[in-house]
PDB file of all heavy atoms in Angstrom:
ATOM      1  N   ARG A   1      -8.393   5.025  -7.411  1.00  0.00           N
ATOM      2  CA  ARG A   1      -8.096   5.088  -8.848  1.00  0.00           C
ATOM      3  C   ARG A   1      -6.930   6.029  -9.158  1.00  0.00           C
ATOM      4  O   ARG A   1      -6.235   5.855 -10.165  1.00  0.00           O
ATOM      5  CB  ARG A   1      -9.336   5.536  -9.616  1.00  0.00           C
ATOM      6  CG  ARG A   1     -10.431   4.484  -9.680  1.00  0.00           C
ATOM      7  CD  ARG A   1     -11.671   4.989 -10.395  1.00  0.00           C
ATOM      8  NE  ARG A   1     -12.661   3.924 -10.553  1.00  0.00           N
ATOM      9  CZ  ARG A   1     -13.895   4.122 -10.994  1.00  0.00           C
ATOM     10  NH1 ARG A   1     -14.324   5.340 -11.310  1.00  0.00           N
ATOM     11  NH2 ARG A   1     -14.729   3.091 -11.105  1.00  0.00           N
ATOM     12  N   MET A   2      -6.732   7.040  -8.325  1.00  0.00           N
ATOM     13  CA  MET A   2      -5.688   8.034  -8.577  1.00  0.00           C
ATOM     14  C   MET A   2      -4.431   7.805  -7.741  1.00  0.00           C
ATOM     15  O   MET A   2      -3.555   8.659  -7.683  1.00  0.00           O
ATOM     16  CB  MET A   2      -6.245   9.443  -8.306  1.00  0.00           C
ATOM     17  CG  MET A   2      -7.441   9.798  -9.168  1.00  0.00           C
ATOM     18  SD  MET A   2      -8.204  11.395  -8.738  1.00  0.00           S
ATOM     19  CE  MET A   2      -7.154  12.522  -9.654  1.00  0.00           C
ATOM     20  N   LYS A   3      -4.333   6.648  -7.133  1.00  0.00           N
ATOM     21  CA  LYS A   3      -3.183   6.343  -6.265  1.00  0.00           C
ATOM     22  C   LYS A   3      -1.872   6.540  -7.014  1.00  0.00           C
ATOM     23  O   LYS A   3      -1.688   6.051  -8.125  1.00  0.00           O
ATOM     24  CB  LYS A   3      -3.285   4.906  -5.749  1.00  0.00           C
ATOM     25  CG  LYS A   3      -2.246   4.572  -4.697  1.00  0.00           C
ATOM     26  CD  LYS A   3      -2.478   3.171  -4.124  1.00  0.00           C
ATOM     27  CE  LYS A   3      -1.476   2.848  -3.021  1.00  0.00           C
ATOM     28  NZ  LYS A   3      -1.714   1.498  -2.467  1.00  0.00           N
ATOM     29  N   GLY A   4      -0.957   7.290  -6.388  1.00  0.00           N
ATOM     30  CA  GLY A   4       0.315   7.574  -7.020  1.00  0.00           C
ATOM     31  C   GLY A   4       0.316   8.852  -7.820  1.00  0.00           C
ATOM     32  O   GLY A   4       1.381   9.320  -8.267  1.00  0.00           O
ATOM     33  N   TYR A   5      -0.879   9.436  -8.020  1.00  0.00           N
ATOM     34  CA  TYR A   5      -1.010  10.665  -8.813  1.00  0.00           C
ATOM     35  C   TYR A   5      -1.722  11.777  -8.034  1.00  0.00           C
ATOM     36  O   TYR A   5      -1.460  12.951  -8.237  1.00  0.00           O
ATOM     37  CB  TYR A   5      -1.785  10.386 -10.097  1.00  0.00           C
ATOM     38  CG  TYR A   5      -1.051   9.455 -11.031  1.00  0.00           C
ATOM     39  CD1 TYR A   5      -1.099   8.075 -10.835  1.00  0.00           C
ATOM     40  CD2 TYR A   5      -0.326   9.950 -12.112  1.00  0.00           C
ATOM     41  CE1 TYR A   5      -0.409   7.216 -11.679  1.00  0.00           C
ATOM     42  CE2 TYR A   5       0.354   9.098 -12.966  1.00  0.00           C
ATOM     43  CZ  TYR A   5       0.313   7.723 -12.744  1.00  0.00           C
ATOM     44  OH  TYR A   5       0.985   6.879 -13.583  1.00  0.00           O
ATOM     45  N   CYS A   6      -2.648  11.396  -7.157  1.00  0.00           N
ATOM     46  CA  CYS A   6      -3.368  12.335  -6.328  1.00  0.00           C
ATOM     47  C   CYS A   6      -3.815  11.602  -5.084  1.00  0.00           C
ATOM     48  O   CYS A   6      -4.367  10.489  -5.180  1.00  0.00           O
ATOM     49  CB  CYS A   6      -4.588  12.920  -7.081  1.00  0.00           C
ATOM     50  SG  CYS A   6      -5.613  14.031  -6.088  1.00  0.00           S
ATOM     51  N   ARG A   7      -3.602  12.208  -3.914  1.00  0.00           N
ATOM     52  CA  ARG A   7      -3.954  11.545  -2.657  1.00  0.00           C
ATOM     53  C   ARG A   7      -5.401  11.832  -2.244  1.00  0.00           C
ATOM     54  O   ARG A   7      -5.878  11.298  -1.250  1.00  0.00           O
ATOM     55  CB  ARG A   7      -2.986  12.008  -1.567  1.00  0.00           C
ATOM     56  CG  ARG A   7      -1.554  11.531  -1.818  1.00  0.00           C
ATOM     57  CD  ARG A   7      -0.551  12.381  -1.046  1.00  0.00           C
ATOM     58  NE  ARG A   7       0.827  12.024  -1.354  1.00  0.00           N
ATOM     59  CZ  ARG A   7       1.475  12.432  -2.450  1.00  0.00           C
ATOM     60  NH1 ARG A   7       0.868  13.216  -3.339  1.00  0.00           N
ATOM     61  NH2 ARG A   7       2.718  12.059  -2.659  1.00  0.00           N
ATOM     62  N   VAL A   8      -6.064  12.708  -2.987  1.00  0.00           N
ATOM     63  CA  VAL A   8      -7.432  13.136  -2.640  1.00  0.00           C
ATOM     64  C   VAL A   8      -7.471  13.524  -1.158  1.00  0.00           C
ATOM     65  O   VAL A   8      -8.221  12.944  -0.344  1.00  0.00           O
ATOM     66  CB  VAL A   8      -8.457  12.023  -2.978  1.00  0.00           C
ATOM     67  CG1 VAL A   8      -9.892  12.572  -2.849  1.00  0.00           C
ATOM     68  CG2 VAL A   8      -8.254  11.504  -4.395  1.00  0.00           C
ATOM     69  N   CYS A   9      -6.653  14.467  -0.826  1.00  0.00           N
ATOM     70  CA  CYS A   9      -6.499  14.917   0.552  1.00  0.00           C
ATOM     71  C   CYS A   9      -7.803  15.531   1.078  1.00  0.00           C
ATOM     72  O   CYS A   9      -8.579  16.095   0.289  1.00  0.00           O
ATOM     73  CB  CYS A   9      -5.373  15.950   0.668  1.00  0.00           C
ATOM     74  SG  CYS A   9      -3.746  15.327   0.213  1.00  0.00           S
ATOM     75  N   PRO A  10      -8.045  15.470   2.384  1.00  0.00           N
ATOM     76  CA  PRO A  10      -9.220  16.109   2.961  1.00  0.00           C
ATOM     77  C   PRO A  10      -9.286  17.602   2.619  1.00  0.00           C
ATOM     78  O   PRO A  10     -10.362  18.157   2.387  1.00  0.00           O
ATOM     79  CB  PRO A  10      -9.061  15.886   4.458  1.00  0.00           C
ATOM     80  CG  PRO A  10      -8.233  14.641   4.548  1.00  0.00           C
ATOM     81  CD  PRO A  10      -7.281  14.702   3.399  1.00  0.00           C
ATOM     82  N   VAL A  11      -8.105  18.250   2.616  1.00  0.00           N
ATOM     83  CA  VAL A  11      -8.008  19.642   2.154  1.00  0.00           C
ATOM     84  C   VAL A  11      -7.032  19.656   0.990  1.00  0.00           C
ATOM     85  O   VAL A  11      -5.835  19.370   1.162  1.00  0.00           O
ATOM     86  CB  VAL A  11      -7.506  20.575   3.289  1.00  0.00           C
ATOM     87  CG1 VAL A  11      -7.362  22.002   2.758  1.00  0.00           C
ATOM     88  CG2 VAL A  11      -8.452  20.537   4.465  1.00  0.00           C
ATOM     89  N   CYS A  12      -7.532  19.991  -0.200  1.00  0.00           N
ATOM     90  CA  CYS A  12      -6.703  19.985  -1.393  1.00  0.00           C
ATOM     91  C   CYS A  12      -5.943  21.313  -1.467  1.00  0.00           C
ATOM     92  O   CYS A  12      -6.396  22.292  -2.045  1.00  0.00           O
ATOM     93  CB  CYS A  12      -7.587  19.817  -2.634  1.00  0.00           C
ATOM     94  SG  CYS A  12      -6.684  19.876  -4.214  1.00  0.00           S
ATOM     95  N   ASP A  13      -4.728  21.335  -0.857  1.00  0.00           N
ATOM     96  CA  ASP A  13      -3.984  22.583  -0.753  1.00  0.00           C
ATOM     97  C   ASP A  13      -2.577  22.506  -1.356  1.00  0.00           C
ATOM     98  O   ASP A  13      -1.795  23.451  -1.232  1.00  0.00           O
ATOM     99  CB  ASP A  13      -3.888  23.049   0.694  1.00  0.00           C
ATOM    100  CG  ASP A  13      -3.191  22.033   1.598  1.00  0.00           C
ATOM    101  OD1 ASP A  13      -2.649  21.037   1.090  1.00  0.00           O
ATOM    102  OD2 ASP A  13      -3.217  22.236   2.825  1.00  0.00           O
ATOM    103  N   GLY A  14      -2.231  21.414  -1.988  1.00  0.00           N
ATOM    104  CA  GLY A  14      -0.962  21.310  -2.684  1.00  0.00           C
ATOM    105  C   GLY A  14       0.227  20.974  -1.830  1.00  0.00           C
ATOM    106  O   GLY A  14       1.365  20.918  -2.348  1.00  0.00           O
ATOM    107  N   ARG A  15       0.047  20.754  -0.541  1.00  0.00           N
ATOM    108  CA  ARG A  15       1.201  20.488   0.332  1.00  0.00           C
ATOM    109  C   ARG A  15       1.767  19.098   0.093  1.00  0.00           C
ATOM    110  O   ARG A  15       2.995  18.908   0.022  1.00  0.00           O
ATOM    111  CB  ARG A  15       0.796  20.654   1.787  1.00  0.00           C
ATOM    112  CG  ARG A  15       0.428  22.086   2.130  1.00  0.00           C
ATOM    113  CD  ARG A  15       0.099  22.273   3.615  1.00  0.00           C
ATOM    114  NE  ARG A  15      -0.311  23.644   3.866  1.00  0.00           N
ATOM    115  CZ  ARG A  15       0.530  24.663   4.028  1.00  0.00           C
ATOM    116  NH1 ARG A  15       1.835  24.461   3.975  1.00  0.00           N
ATOM    117  NH2 ARG A  15       0.064  25.876   4.259  1.00  0.00           N
ATOM    118  N   ALA A  16       0.917  18.105  -0.019  1.00  0.00           N
ATOM    119  CA  ALA A  16       1.387  16.725  -0.136  1.00  0.00           C
ATOM    120  C   ALA A  16       1.900  16.394  -1.538  1.00  0.00           C
ATOM    121  O   ALA A  16       2.653  15.439  -1.711  1.00  0.00           O
ATOM    122  CB  ALA A  16       0.263  15.758   0.225  1.00  0.00           C
ATOM    123  N   CYS A  17       1.522  17.199  -2.530  1.00  0.00           N
ATOM    124  CA  CYS A  17       1.857  16.847  -3.925  1.00  0.00           C
ATOM    125  C   CYS A  17       2.770  17.881  -4.568  1.00  0.00           C
ATOM    126  O   CYS A  17       2.859  17.952  -5.800  1.00  0.00           O
ATOM    127  CB  CYS A  17       0.582  16.699  -4.749  1.00  0.00           C
ATOM    128  SG  CYS A  17      -0.500  18.151  -4.711  1.00  0.00           S
ATOM    129  N   ALA A  18       3.463  18.695  -3.761  1.00  0.00           N
ATOM    130  CA  ALA A  18       4.352  19.714  -4.315  1.00  0.00           C
ATOM    131  C   ALA A  18       5.387  19.109  -5.243  1.00  0.00           C
ATOM    132  O   ALA A  18       6.031  18.106  -4.921  1.00  0.00           O
ATOM    133  CB  ALA A  18       5.057  20.457  -3.186  1.00  0.00           C
ATOM    134  N   GLY A  19       5.514  19.672  -6.419  1.00  0.00           N
ATOM    135  CA  GLY A  19       6.494  19.208  -7.398  1.00  0.00           C
ATOM    136  C   GLY A  19       6.042  18.045  -8.241  1.00  0.00           C
ATOM    137  O   GLY A  19       6.774  17.620  -9.139  1.00  0.00           O
ATOM    138  N   GLU A  20       4.866  17.511  -7.992  1.00  0.00           N
ATOM    139  CA  GLU A  20       4.401  16.310  -8.715  1.00  0.00           C
ATOM    140  C   GLU A  20       3.684  16.712 -10.004  1.00  0.00           C
ATOM    141  O   GLU A  20       2.467  16.743 -10.110  1.00  0.00           O
ATOM    142  CB  GLU A  20       3.523  15.475  -7.809  1.00  0.00           C
ATOM    143  CG  GLU A  20       4.283  14.897  -6.633  1.00  0.00           C
ATOM    144  CD  GLU A  20       3.450  14.015  -5.731  1.00  0.00           C
ATOM    145  OE1 GLU A  20       2.267  13.770  -6.038  1.00  0.00           O
ATOM    146  OE2 GLU A  20       3.996  13.542  -4.706  1.00  0.00           O
ATOM    147  N   VAL A  21       4.493  17.065 -10.993  1.00  0.00           N
ATOM    148  CA  VAL A  21       4.030  17.396 -12.337  1.00  0.00           C
ATOM    149  C   VAL A  21       4.869  16.594 -13.315  1.00  0.00           C
ATOM    150  O   VAL A  21       6.098  16.801 -13.378  1.00  0.00           O
ATOM    151  CB  VAL A  21       4.182  18.907 -12.638  1.00  0.00           C
ATOM    152  CG1 VAL A  21       3.683  19.219 -14.052  1.00  0.00           C
ATOM    153  CG2 VAL A  21       3.452  19.759 -11.611  1.00  0.00           C
ATOM    154  N   PRO A  22       4.325  15.616 -14.108  1.00  0.00           N
ATOM    155  CA  PRO A  22       2.918  15.226 -14.176  1.00  0.00           C
ATOM    156  C   PRO A  22       2.391  14.723 -12.822  1.00  0.00           C
ATOM    157  O   PRO A  22       3.157  14.402 -11.936  1.00  0.00           O
ATOM    158  CB  PRO A  22       2.924  14.105 -15.215  1.00  0.00           C
ATOM    159  CG  PRO A  22       4.174  14.306 -16.012  1.00  0.00           C
ATOM    160  CD  PRO A  22       5.175  14.828 -15.021  1.00  0.00           C
ATOM    161  N   GLY A  23       1.087  14.672 -12.759  1.00  0.00           N
ATOM    162  CA  GLY A  23       0.398  14.435 -11.521  1.00  0.00           C
ATOM    163  C   GLY A  23      -0.552  15.592 -11.318  1.00  0.00           C
ATOM    164  O   GLY A  23      -0.825  16.358 -12.228  1.00  0.00           O
ATOM    165  N   MET A  24      -1.009  15.782 -10.078  1.00  0.00           N
ATOM    166  CA  MET A  24      -1.964  16.834  -9.813  1.00  0.00           C
ATOM    167  C   MET A  24      -1.384  17.950  -8.951  1.00  0.00           C
ATOM    168  O   MET A  24      -2.105  18.822  -8.472  1.00  0.00           O
ATOM    169  CB  MET A  24      -3.209  16.246  -9.121  1.00  0.00           C
ATOM    170  CG  MET A  24      -3.951  15.218  -9.980  1.00  0.00           C
ATOM    171  SD  MET A  24      -4.672  15.910 -11.471  1.00  0.00           S
ATOM    172  CE  MET A  24      -6.095  16.766 -10.796  1.00  0.00           C
ATOM    173  N   GLY A  25      -0.068  17.942  -8.752  1.00  0.00           N
ATOM    174  CA  GLY A  25       0.555  18.926  -7.883  1.00  0.00           C
ATOM    175  C   GLY A  25       0.910  20.211  -8.575  1.00  0.00           C
ATOM    176  O   GLY A  25       0.641  20.434  -9.742  1.00  0.00           O
ATOM    177  N   GLY A  26       1.560  21.082  -7.796  1.00  0.00           N
ATOM    178  CA  GLY A  26       2.072  22.335  -8.322  1.00  0.00           C
ATOM    179  C   GLY A  26       3.532  22.194  -8.686  1.00  0.00           C
ATOM    180  O   GLY A  26       4.253  21.356  -8.149  1.00  0.00           O
ATOM    181  N   LEU A  27       3.989  23.037  -9.610  1.00  0.00           N
ATOM    182  CA  LEU A  27       5.367  22.971 -10.073  1.00  0.00           C
ATOM    183  C   LEU A  27       6.346  23.330  -8.967  1.00  0.00           C
ATOM    184  O   LEU A  27       6.068  24.205  -8.138  1.00  0.00           O
ATOM    185  CB  LEU A  27       5.538  23.939 -11.246  1.00  0.00           C
ATOM    186  CG  LEU A  27       6.862  23.869 -12.015  1.00  0.00           C
ATOM    187  CD1 LEU A  27       6.903  22.606 -12.870  1.00  0.00           C
ATOM    188  CD2 LEU A  27       7.046  25.105 -12.888  1.00  0.00           C
ATOM    189  N   GLY A  28       7.504  22.693  -8.969  1.00  0.00           N
ATOM    190  CA  GLY A  28       8.591  23.061  -8.060  1.00  0.00           C
ATOM    191  C   GLY A  28       8.216  22.915  -6.601  1.00  0.00           C
ATOM    192  O   GLY A  28       7.864  21.839  -6.140  1.00  0.00           O
ATOM    193  N   THR A  29       8.285  24.012  -5.861  1.00  0.00           N
ATOM    194  CA  THR A  29       7.966  23.988  -4.444  1.00  0.00           C
ATOM    195  C   THR A  29       6.474  23.904  -4.175  1.00  0.00           C
ATOM    196  O   THR A  29       6.056  23.679  -3.033  1.00  0.00           O
ATOM    197  CB  THR A  29       8.486  25.260  -3.739  1.00  0.00           C
ATOM    198  OG1 THR A  29       7.759  26.402  -4.224  1.00  0.00           O
ATOM    199  CG2 THR A  29       9.981  25.453  -3.998  1.00  0.00           C
ATOM    200  N   GLY A  30       5.665  24.095  -5.202  1.00  0.00           N
ATOM    201  CA  GLY A  30       4.207  24.127  -5.027  1.00  0.00           C
ATOM    202  C   GLY A  30       3.713  25.454  -4.492  1.00  0.00           C
ATOM    203  O   GLY A  30       2.547  25.584  -4.124  1.00  0.00           O
ATOM    204  N   SER A  31       4.584  26.458  -4.445  1.00  0.00           N
ATOM    205  CA  SER A  31       4.230  27.761  -3.879  1.00  0.00           C
ATOM    206  C   SER A  31       3.048  28.403  -4.584  1.00  0.00           C
ATOM    207  O   SER A  31       2.148  28.969  -3.945  1.00  0.00           O
ATOM    208  CB  SER A  31       5.441  28.703  -3.941  1.00  0.00           C
ATOM    209  OG  SER A  31       5.082  30.020  -3.628  1.00  0.00           O
ATOM    210  N   ALA A  32       3.019  28.338  -5.910  1.00  0.00           N
ATOM    211  CA  ALA A  32       1.948  29.000  -6.674  1.00  0.00           C
ATOM    212  C   ALA A  32       0.614  28.302  -6.431  1.00  0.00           C
ATOM    213  O   ALA A  32      -0.441  28.957  -6.379  1.00  0.00           O
ATOM    214  CB  ALA A  32       2.289  29.024  -8.157  1.00  0.00           C
ATOM    215  N   PHE A  33       0.637  26.977  -6.326  1.00  0.00           N
ATOM    216  CA  PHE A  33      -0.574  26.213  -6.007  1.00  0.00           C
ATOM    217  C   PHE A  33      -1.104  26.689  -4.642  1.00  0.00           C
ATOM    218  O   PHE A  33      -2.279  27.061  -4.498  1.00  0.00           O
ATOM    219  CB  PHE A  33      -0.208  24.741  -5.979  1.00  0.00           C
ATOM    220  CG  PHE A  33      -1.342  23.764  -5.718  1.00  0.00           C
ATOM    221  CD1 PHE A  33      -1.276  22.466  -6.199  1.00  0.00           C
ATOM    222  CD2 PHE A  33      -2.460  24.105  -4.976  1.00  0.00           C
ATOM    223  CE1 PHE A  33      -2.285  21.535  -5.966  1.00  0.00           C
ATOM    224  CE2 PHE A  33      -3.497  23.191  -4.743  1.00  0.00           C
ATOM    225  CZ  PHE A  33      -3.391  21.921  -5.219  1.00  0.00           C
ATOM    226  N   ARG A  34      -0.222  26.694  -3.644  1.00  0.00           N
ATOM    227  CA  ARG A  34      -0.645  27.081  -2.305  1.00  0.00           C
ATOM    228  C   ARG A  34      -1.101  28.544  -2.227  1.00  0.00           C
ATOM    229  O   ARG A  34      -2.011  28.884  -1.471  1.00  0.00           O
ATOM    230  CB  ARG A  34       0.478  26.834  -1.290  1.00  0.00           C
ATOM    231  CG  ARG A  34       0.811  25.344  -1.112  1.00  0.00           C
ATOM    232  CD  ARG A  34       1.678  25.107   0.103  1.00  0.00           C
ATOM    233  NE  ARG A  34       2.959  25.790  -0.006  1.00  0.00           N
ATOM    234  CZ  ARG A  34       4.042  25.316  -0.639  1.00  0.00           C
ATOM    235  NH1 ARG A  34       3.967  24.141  -1.242  1.00  0.00           N
ATOM    236  NH2 ARG A  34       5.170  25.988  -0.665  1.00  0.00           N
ATOM    237  N   ALA A  35      -0.468  29.394  -3.029  1.00  0.00           N
ATOM    238  CA  ALA A  35      -0.833  30.820  -3.014  1.00  0.00           C
ATOM    239  C   ALA A  35      -2.279  31.022  -3.421  1.00  0.00           C
ATOM    240  O   ALA A  35      -2.960  31.925  -2.899  1.00  0.00           O
ATOM    241  CB  ALA A  35       0.083  31.598  -3.965  1.00  0.00           C
ATOM    242  N   ASN A  36      -2.787  30.187  -4.317  1.00  0.00           N
ATOM    243  CA  ASN A  36      -4.205  30.279  -4.694  1.00  0.00           C
ATOM    244  C   ASN A  36      -5.104  30.046  -3.498  1.00  0.00           C
ATOM    245  O   ASN A  36      -6.053  30.802  -3.255  1.00  0.00           O
ATOM    246  CB  ASN A  36      -4.528  29.255  -5.788  1.00  0.00           C
ATOM    247  CG  ASN A  36      -4.033  29.663  -7.158  1.00  0.00           C
ATOM    248  OD1 ASN A  36      -3.974  30.844  -7.494  1.00  0.00           O
ATOM    249  ND2 ASN A  36      -3.681  28.693  -7.979  1.00  0.00           N
ATOM    250  N   LEU A  37      -4.801  29.022  -2.714  1.00  0.00           N
ATOM    251  CA  LEU A  37      -5.605  28.702  -1.539  1.00  0.00           C
ATOM    252  C   LEU A  37      -5.437  29.765  -0.452  1.00  0.00           C
ATOM    253  O   LEU A  37      -6.419  30.192   0.175  1.00  0.00           O
ATOM    254  CB  LEU A  37      -5.200  27.342  -0.974  1.00  0.00           C
ATOM    255  CG  LEU A  37      -5.761  26.055  -1.571  1.00  0.00           C
ATOM    256  CD1 LEU A  37      -7.235  25.930  -1.308  1.00  0.00           C
ATOM    257  CD2 LEU A  37      -5.436  25.888  -3.029  1.00  0.00           C
ATOM    258  N   GLN A  38      -4.215  30.196  -0.234  1.00  0.00           N
ATOM    259  CA  GLN A  38      -3.920  31.150   0.822  1.00  0.00           C
ATOM    260  C   GLN A  38      -4.587  32.495   0.558  1.00  0.00           C
ATOM    261  O   GLN A  38      -5.081  33.135   1.501  1.00  0.00           O
ATOM    262  CB  GLN A  38      -2.403  31.315   0.964  1.00  0.00           C
ATOM    263  CG  GLN A  38      -1.707  30.076   1.519  1.00  0.00           C
ATOM    264  CD  GLN A  38      -0.215  30.064   1.273  1.00  0.00           C
ATOM    265  OE1 GLN A  38       0.320  30.937   0.590  1.00  0.00           O
ATOM    266  NE2 GLN A  38       0.470  29.073   1.838  1.00  0.00           N
ATOM    267  N   ALA A  39      -4.611  32.918  -0.692  1.00  0.00           N
ATOM    268  CA  ALA A  39      -5.222  34.207  -1.016  1.00  0.00           C
ATOM    269  C   ALA A  39      -6.718  34.198  -0.713  1.00  0.00           C
ATOM    270  O   ALA A  39      -7.264  35.193  -0.212  1.00  0.00           O
ATOM    271  CB  ALA A  39      -4.975  34.545  -2.495  1.00  0.00           C
ATOM    272  N   LEU A  40      -7.368  33.101  -0.983  1.00  0.00           N
ATOM    273  CA  LEU A  40      -8.799  33.005  -0.676  1.00  0.00           C
ATOM    274  C   LEU A  40      -9.045  32.826   0.820  1.00  0.00           C
ATOM    275  O   LEU A  40      -9.970  33.414   1.372  1.00  0.00           O
ATOM    276  CB  LEU A  40      -9.428  31.827  -1.443  1.00  0.00           C
ATOM    277  CG  LEU A  40      -9.710  32.093  -2.926  1.00  0.00           C
ATOM    278  CD1 LEU A  40     -10.057  30.798  -3.644  1.00  0.00           C
ATOM    279  CD2 LEU A  40     -10.848  33.091  -3.097  1.00  0.00           C
ATOM    280  N   ALA A  41      -8.198  32.044   1.477  1.00  0.00           N
ATOM    281  CA  ALA A  41      -8.383  31.786   2.906  1.00  0.00           C
ATOM    282  C   ALA A  41      -8.204  33.060   3.733  1.00  0.00           C
ATOM    283  O   ALA A  41      -8.766  33.183   4.824  1.00  0.00           O
ATOM    284  CB  ALA A  41      -7.407  30.713   3.374  1.00  0.00           C
TER     285      ALA A  41
END
């Protein structure tokens, strides 16, 4: 259902969808999205 907007990755870490805004990705390089995951990991 979300094809083209979200890949529903096994690990939702923002790598595959960087820059996809609109969509479910993070803005630009996706660095801020990934930083959320990295800080917890």
